[in-house]
Amino acid sequence: MTTTPIQAGFTRTRPSTGTRGSSTSTYSAVLAQVKQQDLLRRRTGFYWTLFGSLVGTLVIAWVVFALLGDSWFQLIVAGALGVLFTQFAFLSHEAAHRQVFASQRWNDRAGRYVGTFLVGLSYSWWMNKHTRHHGNPNTIGKDPDIAPGVIRFTPEDAAATSGARSVFTRFQGWLFFPLLTLEGVNLHWSAVRAVMSGTDTKADLRHRMVEAALLVARFGIYLTAVFWFLPFGMACAFLGVQLAVFGVMMGASFAPNHKGMPTIAHDAKVDFFSRQVRTSRNIRGGWFVSFLMGGLNHQVEHHLFPSMPRPALKRARLLVKQHCDTLDVPYTETSLLRSYGLVVAHLNKVGIAARDPFTCPMVAQLRIH
């Protein structure tokens, strides 16, 4: 194997004339092992059990809510709801990847009703955004998850800031997790914007109308219950806690997977296996971490086999890791807390470009640190 640099910290793997084969056969080999061990088989029983457990817990949470009445202990219920809505969002995400049912229609229905009615997200908006991410993870100009927004993920985008925005960007790493407390509001607002815009195709309009009805029902029922049973100030605090927990848990589950990993130039040609493995980071931990992150702790395997159900990801990890060792392809995994530290450090490093005139990658590589 020979490697040529694509961008700082990332290399493109080219097959040599040896016995390791082409980039296509590289992925085909591990895919064959996965199929041989039946790891792509749907685990519908697992998902029905998980869904039933979450619904049961949700019912208990609302019963406790009704029994507590006018009490500040309601904030504990609010936090629990934030956790539950995150878990339902994971289920919607897995349905979107066709992990739950064999039927595409049933996966879409499950993803839309769980994600939109129970969580308050736009399933269509999420599908569009997430599909583009999976096709081009950490690829500049193609991956919407690293597009410039409140947070800047590349030195070039950070250097383009000015004024008060540049001051914010310099310290964005330290501000990242506090900002996640607002991510719940942002996700709900994105859902509302999505159903109010979009294309005028017949299918898109139908989906938007369905999601609009589900969102109106969801927020109508939820907000009526909160503000009907609780005093106004307590109701506002209840919503604040629930949205903050939801936002932090969503962001803390997705951020460690790619932030701080190598980025790919817009026009770089990279084989599928290298693209998915080198830009993804796994999180070590047992069943609790897997539950906490909705299986996203096995991010490498999830990107290589998007339709693989959550229970099979752990077994696939052993195959992929062994395959990477054979090919000398870096396989990255770390602890959950360490991953958060890496995210913060990366965002702060990127933020330096907001005040550093030496933003050219070539110049940055030649500078003495």
Protein backbone atom coordinates (compact mmCIF):
# COMPACT_ATOMS: atom_id res chain seq x y z
CA MET A 1 0.00 0.00 0.00
CA THR A 2 1.08 3.54 -0.71
CA THR A 3 -0.52 6.66 0.70
CA THR A 4 -0.79 10.19 -0.61
CA PRO A 5 -1.94 13.15 1.46
CA ILE A 6 -5.39 14.55 0.77
CA GLN A 7 -5.61 17.11 3.52
CA ALA A 8 -3.82 17.76 6.76
CA GLY A 9 -4.20 14.66 8.92
CA PHE A 10 -5.85 12.56 6.23
CA THR A 11 -4.42 10.19 3.69
CA ARG A 12 -5.85 8.46 0.67
CA THR A 13 -5.18 4.76 0.47
CA ARG A 14 -4.23 3.39 -2.92
CA PRO A 15 -4.02 -0.32 -3.59
CA SER A 16 -0.60 -1.56 -4.58
CA THR A 17 0.14 -4.34 -7.02
CA GLY A 18 0.41 -6.79 -4.12
CA THR A 19 -2.18 -9.23 -2.85
CA ARG A 20 -4.44 -6.88 -0.94
CA GLY A 21 -6.65 -6.15 -3.89
CA SER A 22 -8.65 -3.16 -4.98
CA SER A 23 -10.59 -0.71 -2.85
CA THR A 24 -13.82 -2.39 -3.88
CA SER A 25 -12.62 -5.85 -2.89
CA THR A 26 -11.35 -4.40 0.39
CA TYR A 27 -14.90 -3.56 1.43
CA SER A 28 -16.40 -6.63 -0.24
CA ALA A 29 -14.18 -8.90 1.85
CA VAL A 30 -15.42 -7.58 5.21
CA LEU A 31 -18.99 -7.36 3.89
CA ALA A 32 -18.83 -11.05 2.99
CA GLN A 33 -17.75 -11.87 6.55
CA VAL A 34 -20.60 -9.79 7.94
CA LYS A 35 -23.13 -11.61 5.76
CA GLN A 36 -21.62 -14.97 6.61
CA GLN A 37 -22.24 -14.30 10.29
CA ASP A 38 -25.77 -13.08 9.53
CA LEU A 39 -25.14 -9.67 11.09
CA LEU A 40 -27.42 -7.80 8.68
CA ARG A 41 -30.50 -9.80 9.71
CA ARG A 42 -33.27 -7.63 11.15
CA ARG A 43 -33.70 -7.88 14.92
CA THR A 44 -37.35 -6.88 14.96
CA GLY A 45 -37.96 -8.51 18.35
CA PHE A 46 -35.24 -6.36 19.92
CA TYR A 47 -36.77 -3.17 18.56
CA TRP A 48 -40.32 -4.05 19.58
CA THR A 49 -39.07 -4.84 23.09
CA LEU A 50 -37.12 -1.59 23.26
CA PHE A 51 -40.05 0.41 21.90
CA GLY A 52 -42.45 -1.20 24.36
CA SER A 53 -40.08 -0.53 27.26
CA LEU A 54 -39.72 3.12 26.29
CA VAL A 55 -43.47 3.59 25.86
CA GLY A 56 -44.06 1.96 29.24
CA THR A 57 -41.50 4.24 30.86
CA LEU A 58 -43.07 7.24 29.13
CA VAL A 59 -46.47 6.32 30.55
CA ILE A 60 -44.96 5.98 34.04
CA ALA A 61 -43.30 9.40 33.67
CA TRP A 62 -46.64 11.03 32.84
CA VAL A 63 -48.37 9.21 35.71
CA VAL A 64 -45.72 10.56 38.08
CA PHE A 65 -46.23 13.99 36.49
CA ALA A 66 -49.96 13.83 37.27
CA LEU A 67 -49.39 12.62 40.84
CA LEU A 68 -46.77 15.24 41.70
CA GLY A 69 -48.93 18.17 40.67
CA ASP A 70 -47.66 21.60 41.72
CA SER A 71 -44.17 20.52 42.86
CA TRP A 72 -40.65 21.44 41.84
CA PHE A 73 -39.89 17.73 41.81
CA GLN A 74 -41.52 17.94 38.38
CA LEU A 75 -38.12 19.02 37.08
CA ILE A 76 -36.94 15.44 37.64
CA VAL A 77 -39.78 14.27 35.40
CA ALA A 78 -38.73 16.89 32.85
CA GLY A 79 -35.19 15.52 32.82
CA ALA A 80 -36.52 11.98 32.42
CA LEU A 81 -38.63 13.08 29.45
CA GLY A 82 -35.54 14.61 27.86
CA VAL A 83 -33.80 11.24 28.13
CA LEU A 84 -36.82 9.34 26.78
CA PHE A 85 -37.29 11.66 23.79
CA THR A 86 -33.62 11.12 22.93
CA GLN A 87 -34.11 7.36 23.00
CA PHE A 88 -37.14 7.64 20.74
CA ALA A 89 -35.05 9.80 18.39
CA PHE A 90 -32.49 6.97 18.21
CA LEU A 91 -35.27 4.56 17.22
CA SER A 92 -36.41 6.94 14.48
CA HIS A 93 -32.80 7.16 13.27
CA GLU A 94 -32.52 3.38 13.12
CA ALA A 95 -35.79 3.06 11.25
CA ALA A 96 -34.51 5.64 8.75
CA HIS A 97 -31.54 3.34 8.13
CA ARG A 98 -33.87 0.37 7.46
CA GLN A 99 -32.60 -1.42 10.55
CA VAL A 100 -35.96 -2.24 12.10
CA PHE A 101 -38.21 -3.74 9.42
CA ALA A 102 -37.54 -5.44 6.08
CA SER A 103 -40.16 -3.20 4.46
CA GLN A 104 -39.02 0.28 3.48
CA ARG A 105 -42.58 1.56 3.89
CA TRP A 106 -42.84 0.28 7.46
CA ASN A 107 -39.44 1.74 8.34
CA ASP A 108 -40.50 5.13 6.98
CA ARG A 109 -43.79 4.99 8.84
CA ALA A 110 -42.11 4.01 12.09
CA GLY A 111 -39.41 6.64 11.68
CA ARG A 112 -41.89 9.38 10.85
CA TYR A 113 -44.44 8.65 13.58
CA VAL A 114 -41.86 8.03 16.29
CA GLY A 115 -39.54 10.86 15.26
CA THR A 116 -42.20 13.44 14.46
CA PHE A 117 -45.11 12.67 16.78
CA LEU A 118 -43.22 11.45 19.86
CA VAL A 119 -40.03 13.53 19.56
CA GLY A 120 -41.04 16.58 17.53
CA LEU A 121 -38.54 16.27 14.67
CA SER A 122 -39.08 16.40 10.93
CA TYR A 123 -38.36 12.92 9.61
CA SER A 124 -38.02 14.14 6.00
CA TRP A 125 -35.60 16.90 6.97
CA TRP A 126 -33.54 14.49 9.03
CA MET A 127 -33.46 11.88 6.25
CA ASN A 128 -32.24 14.41 3.70
CA LYS A 129 -29.55 15.81 5.95
CA HIS A 130 -28.38 12.49 7.36
CA THR A 131 -28.25 10.74 3.99
CA ARG A 132 -25.88 13.42 2.69
CA HIS A 133 -23.74 13.03 5.79
CA HIS A 134 -23.43 9.27 5.37
CA GLY A 135 -22.48 9.61 1.73
CA ASN A 136 -19.72 12.13 2.43
CA PRO A 137 -18.70 12.12 6.11
CA ASN A 138 -16.39 15.00 7.04
CA THR A 139 -16.13 16.02 3.38
CA ILE A 140 -15.83 19.78 2.99
CA GLY A 141 -18.73 21.26 1.07
CA LYS A 142 -20.66 17.97 1.01
CA ASP A 143 -21.23 16.93 4.63
CA PRO A 144 -23.96 19.17 6.14
CA ASP A 145 -22.78 18.23 9.64
CA ILE A 146 -19.60 20.30 9.20
CA ALA A 147 -21.19 23.16 7.26
CA PRO A 148 -20.55 26.57 8.88
CA GLY A 149 -23.21 27.67 11.32
CA VAL A 150 -23.08 28.78 14.94
CA ILE A 151 -20.06 26.48 15.28
CA ARG A 152 -17.25 26.53 12.70
CA PHE A 153 -15.68 23.13 12.08
CA THR A 154 -12.85 24.03 9.68
CA PRO A 155 -10.07 26.65 9.97
CA GLU A 156 -11.18 28.20 6.66
CA ASP A 157 -14.71 28.80 7.95
CA ALA A 158 -13.38 30.09 11.26
CA ALA A 159 -11.05 32.52 9.48
CA ALA A 160 -14.03 33.91 7.55
CA THR A 161 -15.61 35.24 10.75
CA SER A 162 -15.25 38.82 11.91
CA GLY A 163 -16.28 41.11 14.72
CA ALA A 164 -18.24 39.60 17.60
CA ARG A 165 -18.60 36.32 15.70
CA SER A 166 -14.82 35.88 15.58
CA VAL A 167 -14.58 36.42 19.33
CA PHE A 168 -17.19 33.73 19.87
CA THR A 169 -15.44 31.37 17.45
CA ARG A 170 -12.14 31.65 19.31
CA PHE A 171 -13.71 30.04 22.36
CA GLN A 172 -16.26 27.82 20.60
CA GLY A 173 -14.78 24.63 22.04
CA TRP A 174 -15.50 25.71 25.61
CA LEU A 175 -18.92 26.99 24.57
CA PHE A 176 -19.93 23.89 22.60
CA PHE A 177 -21.52 21.86 25.39
CA PRO A 178 -23.28 24.84 27.02
CA LEU A 179 -24.73 25.61 23.58
CA LEU A 180 -26.12 22.10 23.34
CA THR A 181 -28.70 23.09 25.96
CA LEU A 182 -30.31 25.06 23.10
CA GLU A 183 -30.06 22.24 20.56
CA GLY A 184 -33.48 20.87 21.49
CA VAL A 185 -35.10 24.18 20.57
CA ASN A 186 -33.06 24.28 17.36
CA LEU A 187 -34.18 20.79 16.33
CA HIS A 188 -37.84 21.61 16.91
CA TRP A 189 -37.51 24.89 15.03
CA SER A 190 -35.80 23.09 12.14
CA ALA A 191 -38.76 20.70 12.02
CA VAL A 192 -41.23 23.59 11.81
CA ARG A 193 -39.21 25.29 9.09
CA ALA A 194 -38.95 22.03 7.14
CA VAL A 195 -42.70 21.49 6.96
CA MET A 196 -43.24 25.11 5.96
CA SER A 197 -40.79 24.95 3.07
CA GLY A 198 -39.38 22.36 0.69
CA THR A 199 -40.16 21.34 -2.86
CA ASP A 200 -43.61 21.25 -4.37
CA THR A 201 -43.48 17.67 -5.61
CA LYS A 202 -46.53 15.57 -4.81
CA ALA A 203 -44.62 13.19 -2.52
CA ASP A 204 -42.86 16.00 -0.69
CA LEU A 205 -46.09 17.91 -0.16
CA ARG A 206 -47.82 14.79 1.17
CA HIS A 207 -45.01 14.12 3.66
CA ARG A 208 -44.96 17.74 4.76
CA MET A 209 -48.71 17.71 5.39
CA VAL A 210 -48.47 14.51 7.43
CA GLU A 211 -45.55 15.85 9.45
CA ALA A 212 -47.28 19.19 9.96
CA ALA A 213 -50.32 17.40 11.39
CA LEU A 214 -48.15 15.23 13.63
CA LEU A 215 -46.17 18.24 14.90
CA VAL A 216 -49.34 20.22 15.66
CA ALA A 217 -50.76 17.25 17.55
CA ARG A 218 -47.51 16.60 19.40
CA PHE A 219 -46.86 20.14 20.56
CA GLY A 220 -50.54 20.79 21.20
CA ILE A 221 -50.92 17.80 23.52
CA TYR A 222 -47.57 18.28 25.22
CA LEU A 223 -47.77 22.02 25.84
CA THR A 224 -51.41 21.83 26.93
CA ALA A 225 -50.57 19.17 29.52
CA VAL A 226 -47.60 21.11 30.89
CA PHE A 227 -49.25 24.53 31.11
CA TRP A 228 -52.64 23.18 32.23
CA PHE A 229 -51.33 21.24 35.23
CA LEU A 230 -48.42 23.47 36.29
CA PRO A 231 -48.17 27.14 37.27
CA PHE A 232 -46.78 29.26 34.45
CA GLY A 233 -43.31 29.76 35.95
CA MET A 234 -42.95 26.09 36.84
CA ALA A 235 -44.21 25.07 33.39
CA CYS A 236 -41.54 27.25 31.75
CA ALA A 237 -38.86 25.72 34.00
CA PHE A 238 -40.18 22.25 33.15
CA LEU A 239 -39.85 22.91 29.42
CA GLY A 240 -36.42 24.48 29.89
CA VAL A 241 -35.06 21.43 31.71
CA GLN A 242 -36.62 18.95 29.30
CA LEU A 243 -35.30 20.77 26.22
CA ALA A 244 -31.86 21.25 27.75
CA VAL A 245 -31.49 17.56 28.65
CA PHE A 246 -32.78 16.53 25.23
CA GLY A 247 -30.41 18.88 23.42
CA VAL A 248 -27.34 17.90 25.43
CA MET A 249 -28.02 14.19 25.06
CA MET A 250 -28.59 14.46 21.32
CA GLY A 251 -25.49 16.55 20.77
CA ALA A 252 -23.35 14.52 23.16
CA SER A 253 -24.33 11.34 21.29
CA PHE A 254 -23.57 12.56 17.77
CA ALA A 255 -20.64 14.97 18.31
CA PRO A 256 -17.95 12.42 19.37
CA ASN A 257 -18.42 10.36 16.23
CA HIS A 258 -16.71 12.62 13.69
CA LYS A 259 -15.69 15.93 15.26
CA GLY A 260 -11.91 16.15 15.43
CA MET A 261 -11.45 13.33 12.93
CA PRO A 262 -9.72 13.93 9.57
CA THR A 263 -11.59 15.93 6.96
CA ILE A 264 -11.64 15.23 3.23
CA ALA A 265 -11.17 17.81 0.51
CA HIS A 266 -14.25 18.48 -1.60
CA ASP A 267 -12.88 16.91 -4.79
CA ALA A 268 -10.75 14.15 -3.22
CA LYS A 269 -11.24 10.63 -4.52
CA VAL A 270 -11.36 8.23 -1.59
CA ASP A 271 -12.57 4.64 -1.59
CA PHE A 272 -15.68 3.84 0.44
CA PHE A 273 -13.95 1.76 3.12
CA SER A 274 -11.26 4.36 3.86
CA ARG A 275 -13.73 7.24 3.72
CA GLN A 276 -16.01 5.72 6.32
CA VAL A 277 -13.38 4.26 8.67
CA ARG A 278 -10.87 7.11 8.75
CA THR A 279 -13.45 9.81 9.43
CA SER A 280 -15.29 7.93 12.20
CA ARG A 281 -14.51 7.41 15.88
CA ASN A 282 -15.84 4.60 18.06
CA ILE A 283 -16.57 5.00 21.75
CA ARG A 284 -15.52 2.22 24.10
CA GLY A 285 -17.92 0.99 26.74
CA GLY A 286 -20.43 -1.70 27.59
CA TRP A 287 -24.16 -1.99 27.17
CA PHE A 288 -24.85 1.23 29.08
CA VAL A 289 -22.79 3.35 26.67
CA SER A 290 -24.48 1.62 23.75
CA PHE A 291 -27.91 2.39 25.23
CA LEU A 292 -26.90 5.95 26.11
CA MET A 293 -25.75 6.62 22.53
CA GLY A 294 -28.31 4.53 20.70
CA GLY A 295 -25.63 2.30 19.21
CA LEU A 296 -23.77 5.30 17.79
CA ASN A 297 -20.77 4.34 19.90
CA HIS A 298 -20.05 1.82 17.10
CA GLN A 299 -19.83 4.62 14.54
CA VAL A 300 -17.29 2.93 12.25
CA GLU A 301 -19.47 -0.13 11.81
CA HIS A 302 -22.62 1.98 11.50
CA HIS A 303 -21.09 3.90 8.60
CA LEU A 304 -19.83 0.78 6.87
CA PHE A 305 -23.13 -1.09 7.29
CA PRO A 306 -25.90 1.53 7.79
CA SER A 307 -28.70 -1.05 7.76
CA MET A 308 -27.08 -3.23 10.43
CA PRO A 309 -29.29 -3.40 13.55
CA ARG A 310 -27.91 -2.16 16.84
CA PRO A 311 -27.44 -5.58 18.53
CA ALA A 312 -25.10 -6.75 15.75
CA LEU A 313 -22.72 -3.77 15.78
CA LYS A 314 -20.60 -5.10 18.65
CA ARG A 315 -19.86 -8.35 16.81
CA ALA A 316 -19.15 -6.50 13.58
CA ARG A 317 -16.60 -4.37 15.42
CA LEU A 318 -14.29 -7.37 15.86
CA LEU A 319 -14.41 -8.14 12.14
CA VAL A 320 -13.83 -4.55 11.05
CA LYS A 321 -11.03 -3.95 13.53
CA GLN A 322 -9.23 -7.12 12.38
CA HIS A 323 -9.72 -6.08 8.76
CA CYS A 324 -8.28 -2.62 9.47
CA ASP A 325 -5.26 -4.17 11.19
CA THR A 326 -4.64 -6.34 8.13
CA LEU A 327 -4.82 -3.33 5.79
CA ASP A 328 -2.96 -0.90 8.09
CA VAL A 329 -6.00 1.39 8.09
CA PRO A 330 -6.31 3.44 11.33
CA TYR A 331 -9.22 2.29 13.48
CA THR A 332 -10.05 4.95 16.06
CA GLU A 333 -11.80 4.35 19.35
CA THR A 334 -11.60 6.00 22.74
CA SER A 335 -13.54 6.48 25.95
CA LEU A 336 -16.64 8.68 26.10
CA LEU A 337 -15.08 11.34 28.33
CA ARG A 338 -11.89 11.37 26.27
CA SER A 339 -13.93 11.87 23.10
CA TYR A 340 -15.57 14.95 24.61
CA GLY A 341 -12.14 16.33 25.44
CA LEU A 342 -11.03 15.74 21.86
CA VAL A 343 -14.11 17.54 20.52
CA VAL A 344 -13.51 20.58 22.72
CA ALA A 345 -9.80 20.67 21.86
CA HIS A 346 -10.53 20.38 18.13
CA LEU A 347 -13.11 23.17 18.11
CA ASN A 348 -10.79 25.46 20.07
CA LYS A 349 -7.95 24.66 17.67
CA VAL A 350 -10.17 25.49 14.71
CA GLY A 351 -11.26 28.67 16.48
CA ILE A 352 -7.66 29.91 16.53
CA ALA A 353 -8.06 30.68 12.84
CA ALA A 354 -10.52 33.41 13.80
CA ARG A 355 -7.61 35.43 15.16
CA ASP A 356 -4.64 33.80 13.39
CA PRO A 357 -3.68 35.24 9.98
CA PHE A 358 -1.79 32.04 9.09
CA THR A 359 -4.82 30.03 8.07
CA CYS A 360 -3.36 28.40 4.99
CA PRO A 361 -3.05 24.63 5.70
CA MET A 362 0.39 24.50 4.04
CA VAL A 363 1.65 27.41 6.14
CA ALA A 364 0.14 25.89 9.27
CA GLN A 365 2.03 22.64 8.66
CA LEU A 366 5.34 24.49 8.30
CA ARG A 367 4.97 26.60 11.41
CA ILE A 368 6.92 25.65 14.53
CA HIS A 369 4.73 24.93 17.59
